Amino acid sequence: MTPQQIVGLTVRLFSIWLVVIAVQMFAIASAMNEQFRNVGAQALYALPALPLMLAAALWFFPMFVAHKLVPRSHDLNTLKMPAREAAAAAAAIIGIWVIIAALPQIVAAVSLFFFARKDPDFGMYFSPDRIFSLLVVAVQFALGFALVSKPWFVANKVFPSSPIDDRPAQELYE
């Protein structure tokens, strides 16, 4: 892999992270919509569109960004790193990061559910807006779990396989 390809890989993985950020922004917009009682908070739903558009641009044009960040070089300065393996490892690392970010809220909600459900004020804690935010955290956790459990899916989307590619390393890990 050339340095530009490494940066292009990083750009595509960053676009996946931007999708996770957009999901979080949507949850924040929903919570603020409930708090402001629908007065002007509808405009907040447009905010997740910004990272989604940036994620789409970075996903479809990673090498354009890479060539702007790292000067073009000759094929002589290649690094000996298998591209698909690096992409799979990076996807798994992002998945672990997303799981770690979502885990405290999930553990807190589950522990409250099990230990405080006999309390009469229990129903007040799980209001509709809090249930929605917990649902968003659960989706975030599921996305992280998918990245950890299927990193080769992401690697094959980042570096599509050619018909002559036999991918022996991928078969070892699936």
C-alpha atoms as a PDB file:
ATOM      1  CA  MET A   1       0.000   0.000   0.000  1.00  0.00           C
ATOM      2  CA  THR A   2       1.165   3.483  -0.763  1.00  0.00           C
ATOM      3  CA  PRO A   3       0.882   6.256   1.809  1.00  0.00           C
ATOM      4  CA  GLN A   4      -2.020   7.670  -0.209  1.00  0.00           C
ATOM      5  CA  GLN A   5      -3.890   4.372   0.006  1.00  0.00           C
ATOM      6  CA  ILE A   6      -3.416   4.294   3.769  1.00  0.00           C
ATOM      7  CA  VAL A   7      -4.849   7.800   4.031  1.00  0.00           C
ATOM      8  CA  GLY A   8      -7.699   6.803   1.694  1.00  0.00           C
ATOM      9  CA  LEU A   9      -8.474   3.842   3.945  1.00  0.00           C
ATOM     10  CA  THR A  10      -8.486   6.124   6.957  1.00  0.00           C
ATOM     11  CA  VAL A  11     -10.780   8.576   5.169  1.00  0.00           C
ATOM     12  CA  ARG A  12     -13.310   5.819   4.445  1.00  0.00           C
ATOM     13  CA  LEU A  13     -13.201   4.581   8.024  1.00  0.00           C
ATOM     14  CA  PHE A  14     -13.678   8.153   9.229  1.00  0.00           C
ATOM     15  CA  SER A  15     -16.808   8.345   7.082  1.00  0.00           C
ATOM     16  CA  ILE A  16     -18.198   5.342   8.993  1.00  0.00           C
ATOM     17  CA  TRP A  17     -17.493   7.191  12.230  1.00  0.00           C
ATOM     18  CA  LEU A  18     -19.360  10.237  10.882  1.00  0.00           C
ATOM     19  CA  VAL A  19     -22.448   8.060  10.365  1.00  0.00           C
ATOM     20  CA  VAL A  20     -22.269   7.077  14.046  1.00  0.00           C
ATOM     21  CA  ILE A  21     -22.000  10.774  14.970  1.00  0.00           C
ATOM     22  CA  ALA A  22     -25.055  11.540  12.802  1.00  0.00           C
ATOM     23  CA  VAL A  23     -27.082   8.905  14.668  1.00  0.00           C
ATOM     24  CA  GLN A  24     -26.093  10.536  17.963  1.00  0.00           C
ATOM     25  CA  MET A  25     -27.006  13.973  16.624  1.00  0.00           C
ATOM     26  CA  PHE A  26     -30.430  12.668  15.588  1.00  0.00           C
ATOM     27  CA  ALA A  27     -31.011  11.410  19.134  1.00  0.00           C
ATOM     28  CA  ILE A  28     -29.999  14.781  20.574  1.00  0.00           C
ATOM     29  CA  ALA A  29     -32.333  16.568  18.139  1.00  0.00           C
ATOM     30  CA  SER A  30     -35.198  14.296  19.192  1.00  0.00           C
ATOM     31  CA  ALA A  31     -34.563  14.941  22.869  1.00  0.00           C
ATOM     32  CA  MET A  32     -34.399  18.692  22.312  1.00  0.00           C
ATOM     33  CA  ASN A  33     -37.587  18.548  20.256  1.00  0.00           C
ATOM     34  CA  GLU A  34     -39.376  17.018  23.241  1.00  0.00           C
ATOM     35  CA  GLN A  35     -37.828  19.544  25.615  1.00  0.00           C
ATOM     36  CA  PHE A  36     -38.759  22.597  23.531  1.00  0.00           C
ATOM     37  CA  ARG A  37     -42.256  21.250  22.820  1.00  0.00           C
ATOM     38  CA  ASN A  38     -41.888  21.410  19.018  1.00  0.00           C
ATOM     39  CA  VAL A  39     -41.135  25.159  18.989  1.00  0.00           C
ATOM     40  CA  GLY A  40     -38.326  25.715  16.482  1.00  0.00           C
ATOM     41  CA  ALA A  41     -36.634  22.432  17.313  1.00  0.00           C
ATOM     42  CA  GLN A  42     -37.630  20.880  13.986  1.00  0.00           C
ATOM     43  CA  ALA A  43     -34.650  22.640  12.414  1.00  0.00           C
ATOM     44  CA  LEU A  44     -32.371  20.537  14.608  1.00  0.00           C
ATOM     45  CA  TYR A  45     -33.254  17.492  12.520  1.00  0.00           C
ATOM     46  CA  ALA A  46     -31.289  19.050   9.644  1.00  0.00           C
ATOM     47  CA  LEU A  47     -28.061  18.956  11.660  1.00  0.00           C
ATOM     48  CA  PRO A  48     -27.439  15.194  11.186  1.00  0.00           C
ATOM     49  CA  ALA A  49     -27.570  15.779   7.437  1.00  0.00           C
ATOM     50  CA  LEU A  50     -24.238  17.626   7.557  1.00  0.00           C
ATOM     51  CA  PRO A  51     -22.119  14.708   8.818  1.00  0.00           C
ATOM     52  CA  LEU A  52     -24.081  12.322   6.576  1.00  0.00           C
ATOM     53  CA  MET A  53     -23.291  14.389   3.492  1.00  0.00           C
ATOM     54  CA  LEU A  54     -19.657  14.671   4.526  1.00  0.00           C
ATOM     55  CA  ALA A  55     -19.557  10.912   5.153  1.00  0.00           C
ATOM     56  CA  ALA A  56     -20.965  10.233   1.688  1.00  0.00           C
ATOM     57  CA  ALA A  57     -18.452  12.565   0.053  1.00  0.00           C
ATOM     58  CA  LEU A  58     -15.553  11.005   1.947  1.00  0.00           C
ATOM     59  CA  TRP A  59     -16.773   7.485   1.189  1.00  0.00           C
ATOM     60  CA  PHE A  60     -17.045   8.039  -2.560  1.00  0.00           C
ATOM     61  CA  PHE A  61     -13.922  10.204  -2.979  1.00  0.00           C
ATOM     62  CA  PRO A  62     -11.312   8.957  -0.487  1.00  0.00           C
ATOM     63  CA  MET A  63      -8.375   9.095  -2.866  1.00  0.00           C
ATOM     64  CA  PHE A  64      -9.137  12.698  -3.832  1.00  0.00           C
ATOM     65  CA  VAL A  65      -8.774  13.621  -0.163  1.00  0.00           C
ATOM     66  CA  ALA A  66      -5.712  11.394   0.204  1.00  0.00           C
ATOM     67  CA  HIS A  67      -3.933  13.020  -2.741  1.00  0.00           C
ATOM     68  CA  LYS A  68      -4.687  16.475  -1.306  1.00  0.00           C
ATOM     69  CA  LEU A  69      -3.286  15.502   2.098  1.00  0.00           C
ATOM     70  CA  VAL A  70      -0.282  13.432   0.985  1.00  0.00           C
ATOM     71  CA  PRO A  71       1.687  14.452  -2.095  1.00  0.00           C
ATOM     72  CA  ARG A  72       1.620  12.017  -4.985  1.00  0.00           C
ATOM     73  CA  SER A  73       4.537   9.666  -5.003  1.00  0.00           C
ATOM     74  CA  HIS A  74       5.930   6.916  -7.138  1.00  0.00           C
ATOM     75  CA  ASP A  75       5.105   3.276  -6.618  1.00  0.00           C
ATOM     76  CA  LEU A  76       8.575   2.815  -5.129  1.00  0.00           C
ATOM     77  CA  ASN A  77       7.598   3.954  -1.650  1.00  0.00           C
ATOM     78  CA  THR A  78       4.976   1.303  -0.989  1.00  0.00           C
ATOM     79  CA  LEU A  79       4.524  -0.082   2.471  1.00  0.00           C
ATOM     80  CA  LYS A  80       4.180  -3.810   2.909  1.00  0.00           C
ATOM     81  CA  MET A  81       0.747  -3.902   4.502  1.00  0.00           C
ATOM     82  CA  PRO A  82      -2.117  -6.011   3.138  1.00  0.00           C
ATOM     83  CA  ALA A  83      -4.930  -3.595   2.379  1.00  0.00           C
ATOM     84  CA  ARG A  84      -7.919  -5.790   3.216  1.00  0.00           C
ATOM     85  CA  GLU A  85      -6.398  -7.011   6.463  1.00  0.00           C
ATOM     86  CA  ALA A  86      -5.673  -3.438   7.532  1.00  0.00           C
ATOM     87  CA  ALA A  87      -9.227  -2.379   6.666  1.00  0.00           C
ATOM     88  CA  ALA A  88     -10.707  -5.310   8.582  1.00  0.00           C
ATOM     89  CA  ALA A  89      -8.570  -4.571  11.629  1.00  0.00           C
ATOM     90  CA  ALA A  90      -9.489  -0.891  11.513  1.00  0.00           C
ATOM     91  CA  ALA A  91     -13.210  -1.696  11.203  1.00  0.00           C
ATOM     92  CA  ALA A  92     -12.979  -3.963  14.232  1.00  0.00           C
ATOM     93  CA  ILE A  93     -11.171  -1.248  16.197  1.00  0.00           C
ATOM     94  CA  ILE A  94     -13.871   1.297  15.329  1.00  0.00           C
ATOM     95  CA  GLY A  95     -16.503  -1.263  16.348  1.00  0.00           C
ATOM     96  CA  ILE A  96     -14.827  -1.754  19.711  1.00  0.00           C
ATOM     97  CA  TRP A  97     -14.688   2.005  20.163  1.00  0.00           C
ATOM     98  CA  VAL A  98     -18.405   2.375  19.387  1.00  0.00           C
ATOM     99  CA  ILE A  99     -19.302  -0.477  21.770  1.00  0.00           C
ATOM    100  CA  ILE A 100     -17.229   1.060  24.552  1.00  0.00           C
ATOM    101  CA  ALA A 101     -18.941   4.416  24.008  1.00  0.00           C
ATOM    102  CA  ALA A 102     -22.437   2.876  24.185  1.00  0.00           C
ATOM    103  CA  LEU A 103     -21.829   0.356  26.947  1.00  0.00           C
ATOM    104  CA  PRO A 104     -22.090   2.655  30.019  1.00  0.00           C
ATOM    105  CA  GLN A 105     -25.583   3.854  29.087  1.00  0.00           C
ATOM    106  CA  ILE A 106     -26.759   0.329  28.323  1.00  0.00           C
ATOM    107  CA  VAL A 107     -25.380  -1.047  31.583  1.00  0.00           C
ATOM    108  CA  ALA A 108     -26.976   1.799  33.546  1.00  0.00           C
ATOM    109  CA  ALA A 109     -30.377   1.268  31.936  1.00  0.00           C
ATOM    110  CA  VAL A 110     -30.285  -2.511  32.386  1.00  0.00           C
ATOM    111  CA  SER A 111     -29.209  -2.222  36.016  1.00  0.00           C
ATOM    112  CA  LEU A 112     -31.985   0.290  36.699  1.00  0.00           C
ATOM    113  CA  PHE A 113     -34.466  -2.004  35.049  1.00  0.00           C
ATOM    114  CA  PHE A 114     -33.463  -4.987  37.182  1.00  0.00           C
ATOM    115  CA  PHE A 115     -32.843  -3.270  40.520  1.00  0.00           C
ATOM    116  CA  ALA A 116     -35.409  -0.464  40.560  1.00  0.00           C
ATOM    117  CA  ARG A 117     -38.417  -1.887  38.761  1.00  0.00           C
ATOM    118  CA  LYS A 118     -40.331  -2.399  42.034  1.00  0.00           C
ATOM    119  CA  ASP A 119     -39.887   1.255  42.927  1.00  0.00           C
ATOM    120  CA  PRO A 120     -43.067   3.300  42.322  1.00  0.00           C
ATOM    121  CA  ASP A 121     -41.051   6.041  40.582  1.00  0.00           C
ATOM    122  CA  PHE A 122     -39.603   3.567  38.107  1.00  0.00           C
ATOM    123  CA  GLY A 123     -42.064   4.455  35.350  1.00  0.00           C
ATOM    124  CA  MET A 124     -41.115   8.117  35.530  1.00  0.00           C
ATOM    125  CA  TYR A 125     -37.495   7.353  34.701  1.00  0.00           C
ATOM    126  CA  PHE A 126     -38.307   5.560  31.462  1.00  0.00           C
ATOM    127  CA  SER A 127     -40.128   8.417  29.791  1.00  0.00           C
ATOM    128  CA  PRO A 128     -40.715   8.294  26.021  1.00  0.00           C
ATOM    129  CA  ASP A 129     -37.770  10.563  25.253  1.00  0.00           C
ATOM    130  CA  ARG A 130     -35.436   8.520  27.460  1.00  0.00           C
ATOM    131  CA  ILE A 131     -36.657   5.305  25.856  1.00  0.00           C
ATOM    132  CA  PHE A 132     -35.937   6.820  22.442  1.00  0.00           C
ATOM    133  CA  SER A 133     -32.427   7.848  23.481  1.00  0.00           C
ATOM    134  CA  LEU A 134     -31.826   4.345  24.831  1.00  0.00           C
ATOM    135  CA  LEU A 135     -33.051   2.944  21.537  1.00  0.00           C
ATOM    136  CA  VAL A 136     -30.518   5.100  19.694  1.00  0.00           C
ATOM    137  CA  VAL A 137     -27.772   3.861  22.017  1.00  0.00           C
ATOM    138  CA  ALA A 138     -28.904   0.287  21.307  1.00  0.00           C
ATOM    139  CA  VAL A 139     -28.651   0.962  17.556  1.00  0.00           C
ATOM    140  CA  GLN A 140     -25.192   2.402  18.101  1.00  0.00           C
ATOM    141  CA  PHE A 141     -24.225  -0.705  20.088  1.00  0.00           C
ATOM    142  CA  ALA A 142     -25.602  -2.942  17.316  1.00  0.00           C
ATOM    143  CA  LEU A 143     -23.583  -1.040  14.709  1.00  0.00           C
ATOM    144  CA  GLY A 144     -20.452  -1.486  16.804  1.00  0.00           C
ATOM    145  CA  PHE A 145     -21.204  -5.173  17.251  1.00  0.00           C
ATOM    146  CA  ALA A 146     -21.688  -5.544  13.501  1.00  0.00           C
ATOM    147  CA  LEU A 147     -18.335  -3.883  12.862  1.00  0.00           C
ATOM    148  CA  VAL A 148     -16.630  -6.186  15.349  1.00  0.00           C
ATOM    149  CA  SER A 149     -18.339  -9.368  14.196  1.00  0.00           C
ATOM    150  CA  LYS A 150     -18.150  -8.721  10.422  1.00  0.00           C
ATOM    151  CA  PRO A 151     -15.035  -6.599   9.768  1.00  0.00           C
ATOM    152  CA  TRP A 152     -14.468  -8.362   6.444  1.00  0.00           C
ATOM    153  CA  PHE A 153     -17.770  -7.010   5.152  1.00  0.00           C
ATOM    154  CA  VAL A 154     -16.447  -3.484   5.687  1.00  0.00           C
ATOM    155  CA  ALA A 155     -13.046  -4.430   4.267  1.00  0.00           C
ATOM    156  CA  ASN A 156     -14.692  -5.759   1.104  1.00  0.00           C
ATOM    157  CA  LYS A 157     -16.709  -2.534   0.751  1.00  0.00           C
ATOM    158  CA  VAL A 158     -13.599  -0.394   1.201  1.00  0.00           C
ATOM    159  CA  PHE A 159     -11.513  -2.548  -1.148  1.00  0.00           C
ATOM    160  CA  PRO A 160     -13.877  -4.391  -3.510  1.00  0.00           C
ATOM    161  CA  SER A 161     -12.549  -7.736  -4.614  1.00  0.00           C
ATOM    162  CA  SER A 162     -11.663  -8.501  -8.178  1.00  0.00           C
ATOM    163  CA  PRO A 163     -12.794 -11.723  -9.896  1.00  0.00           C
ATOM    164  CA  ILE A 164      -9.284 -13.190  -9.702  1.00  0.00           C
ATOM    165  CA  ASP A 165      -8.929 -12.420  -5.996  1.00  0.00           C
ATOM    166  CA  ASP A 166      -9.131 -15.565  -3.899  1.00  0.00           C
ATOM    167  CA  ARG A 167      -8.874 -13.884  -0.448  1.00  0.00           C
ATOM    168  CA  PRO A 168      -7.280 -16.739   1.525  1.00  0.00           C
ATOM    169  CA  ALA A 169      -6.740 -14.530   4.599  1.00  0.00           C
ATOM    170  CA  GLN A 170     -10.423 -13.609   4.702  1.00  0.00           C
ATOM    171  CA  GLU A 171     -11.481 -17.253   4.729  1.00  0.00           C
ATOM    172  CA  LEU A 172      -9.257 -17.871   7.738  1.00  0.00           C
ATOM    173  CA  TYR A 173     -11.043 -15.240   9.805  1.00  0.00           C
ATOM    174  CA  GLU A 174     -14.664 -15.891   8.856  1.00  0.00           C
END
